[in-house]
């Protein structure tokens, strides 16, 4: 399932990032978002969600959340 479908408050393990955009992959890697890393959905808004990765919080849009497989 994708990160967009995740239940807020639960921690998941990232399985893979599904995107053809190498720049996007590099950006996510710089945030600490890569296969095997834990990610928690803190809250979800209308078109974005707040996530916690390695003790940092980020607000990502729904398109990016749908590229992250958990």
C-alpha atoms as a PDB file:
ATOM      1  CA  UNK A   1       0.000   0.000   0.000  1.00  0.00           C
ATOM      2  CA  UNK A   2       1.068   3.601  -0.363  1.00  0.00           C
ATOM      3  CA  UNK A   3       1.886   6.109   2.338  1.00  0.00           C
ATOM      4  CA  UNK A   4      -1.226   8.061   1.346  1.00  0.00           C
ATOM      5  CA  UNK A   5      -3.346   5.078   2.473  1.00  0.00           C
ATOM      6  CA  UNK A   6      -1.570   4.782   5.846  1.00  0.00           C
ATOM      7  CA  UNK A   7      -3.348   5.244   9.153  1.00  0.00           C
ATOM      8  CA  UNK A   8      -2.168   8.356  11.032  1.00  0.00           C
ATOM      9  CA  UNK A   9      -0.279   7.565  14.218  1.00  0.00           C
ATOM     10  CA  UNK A  10       1.119   4.250  13.021  1.00  0.00           C
ATOM     11  CA  UNK A  11       4.727   3.508  12.079  1.00  0.00           C
ATOM     12  CA  UNK A  12       5.504   1.691   8.837  1.00  0.00           C
ATOM     13  CA  UNK A  13       8.601   0.432   7.057  1.00  0.00           C
ATOM     14  CA  UNK A  14       9.277   1.898   3.617  1.00  0.00           C
ATOM     15  CA  UNK A  15       9.352  -0.922   1.072  1.00  0.00           C
ATOM     16  CA  UNK A  16      10.279   1.082  -2.029  1.00  0.00           C
ATOM     17  CA  UNK A  17       9.960   4.409  -3.785  1.00  0.00           C
ATOM     18  CA  UNK A  18       8.026   4.136  -7.051  1.00  0.00           C
ATOM     19  CA  UNK A  19       9.030   7.003  -9.330  1.00  0.00           C
ATOM     20  CA  UNK A  20      10.905   7.505 -12.576  1.00  0.00           C
ATOM     21  CA  UNK A  21      12.125  10.948 -11.462  1.00  0.00           C
ATOM     22  CA  UNK A  22      15.756  10.669 -10.311  1.00  0.00           C
ATOM     23  CA  UNK A  23      15.655  14.158  -8.788  1.00  0.00           C
ATOM     24  CA  UNK A  24      12.707  13.107  -6.635  1.00  0.00           C
ATOM     25  CA  UNK A  25      14.569   9.971  -5.524  1.00  0.00           C
ATOM     26  CA  UNK A  26      17.570  12.084  -4.541  1.00  0.00           C
ATOM     27  CA  UNK A  27      15.356  14.511  -2.628  1.00  0.00           C
ATOM     28  CA  UNK A  28      13.633  11.722  -0.683  1.00  0.00           C
ATOM     29  CA  UNK A  29      16.977  10.096   0.088  1.00  0.00           C
ATOM     30  CA  UNK A  30      18.253  13.405   1.505  1.00  0.00           C
ATOM     31  CA  UNK A  31      15.244  13.411   3.871  1.00  0.00           C
ATOM     32  CA  UNK A  32      16.120   9.893   5.022  1.00  0.00           C
ATOM     33  CA  UNK A  33      13.263   8.343   3.082  1.00  0.00           C
ATOM     34  CA  UNK A  34      14.525   5.094   1.528  1.00  0.00           C
ATOM     35  CA  UNK A  35      13.828   1.353   1.616  1.00  0.00           C
ATOM     36  CA  UNK A  36      14.016  -0.194   5.070  1.00  0.00           C
ATOM     37  CA  UNK A  37      13.584   3.102   6.951  1.00  0.00           C
ATOM     38  CA  UNK A  38      10.721   3.629   9.413  1.00  0.00           C
ATOM     39  CA  UNK A  39       8.148   6.340   8.697  1.00  0.00           C
ATOM     40  CA  UNK A  40       5.203   7.532  10.776  1.00  0.00           C
ATOM     41  CA  UNK A  41       2.205   9.410   9.432  1.00  0.00           C
ATOM     42  CA  UNK A  42       1.566  12.091  12.039  1.00  0.00           C
ATOM     43  CA  UNK A  43      -1.534  13.582  10.403  1.00  0.00           C
ATOM     44  CA  UNK A  44      -3.249  13.886   7.061  1.00  0.00           C
ATOM     45  CA  UNK A  45      -4.712  17.043   5.571  1.00  0.00           C
ATOM     46  CA  UNK A  46      -6.740  17.532   2.397  1.00  0.00           C
ATOM     47  CA  UNK A  47      -3.861  17.291  -0.117  1.00  0.00           C
ATOM     48  CA  UNK A  48      -0.835  16.557   2.070  1.00  0.00           C
ATOM     49  CA  UNK A  49       0.317  14.612   5.071  1.00  0.00           C
ATOM     50  CA  UNK A  50       2.733  15.250   7.915  1.00  0.00           C
ATOM     51  CA  UNK A  51       5.277  12.464   8.367  1.00  0.00           C
ATOM     52  CA  UNK A  52       8.045  11.738  10.828  1.00  0.00           C
ATOM     53  CA  UNK A  53      11.309  10.275   9.549  1.00  0.00           C
ATOM     54  CA  UNK A  54      14.333   9.911  11.851  1.00  0.00           C
ATOM     55  CA  UNK A  55      13.035  12.353  14.503  1.00  0.00           C
ATOM     56  CA  UNK A  56      12.242  15.043  11.905  1.00  0.00           C
ATOM     57  CA  UNK A  57       8.819  16.052  10.595  1.00  0.00           C
ATOM     58  CA  UNK A  58       8.014  16.884   6.989  1.00  0.00           C
ATOM     59  CA  UNK A  59       4.860  17.917   5.183  1.00  0.00           C
ATOM     60  CA  UNK A  60       4.615  16.079   1.859  1.00  0.00           C
ATOM     61  CA  UNK A  61       1.973  16.369  -0.838  1.00  0.00           C
ATOM     62  CA  UNK A  62      -0.354  13.561  -1.841  1.00  0.00           C
ATOM     63  CA  UNK A  63       1.490  12.839  -5.097  1.00  0.00           C
ATOM     64  CA  UNK A  64       4.741  12.260  -3.232  1.00  0.00           C
ATOM     65  CA  UNK A  65       2.954  10.175  -0.577  1.00  0.00           C
ATOM     66  CA  UNK A  66       1.537   7.945  -3.307  1.00  0.00           C
ATOM     67  CA  UNK A  67       5.054   7.266  -4.629  1.00  0.00           C
ATOM     68  CA  UNK A  68       6.164   5.821  -1.273  1.00  0.00           C
ATOM     69  CA  UNK A  69       5.267   2.139  -0.862  1.00  0.00           C
ATOM     70  CA  UNK A  70       4.968   0.833   2.692  1.00  0.00           C
END
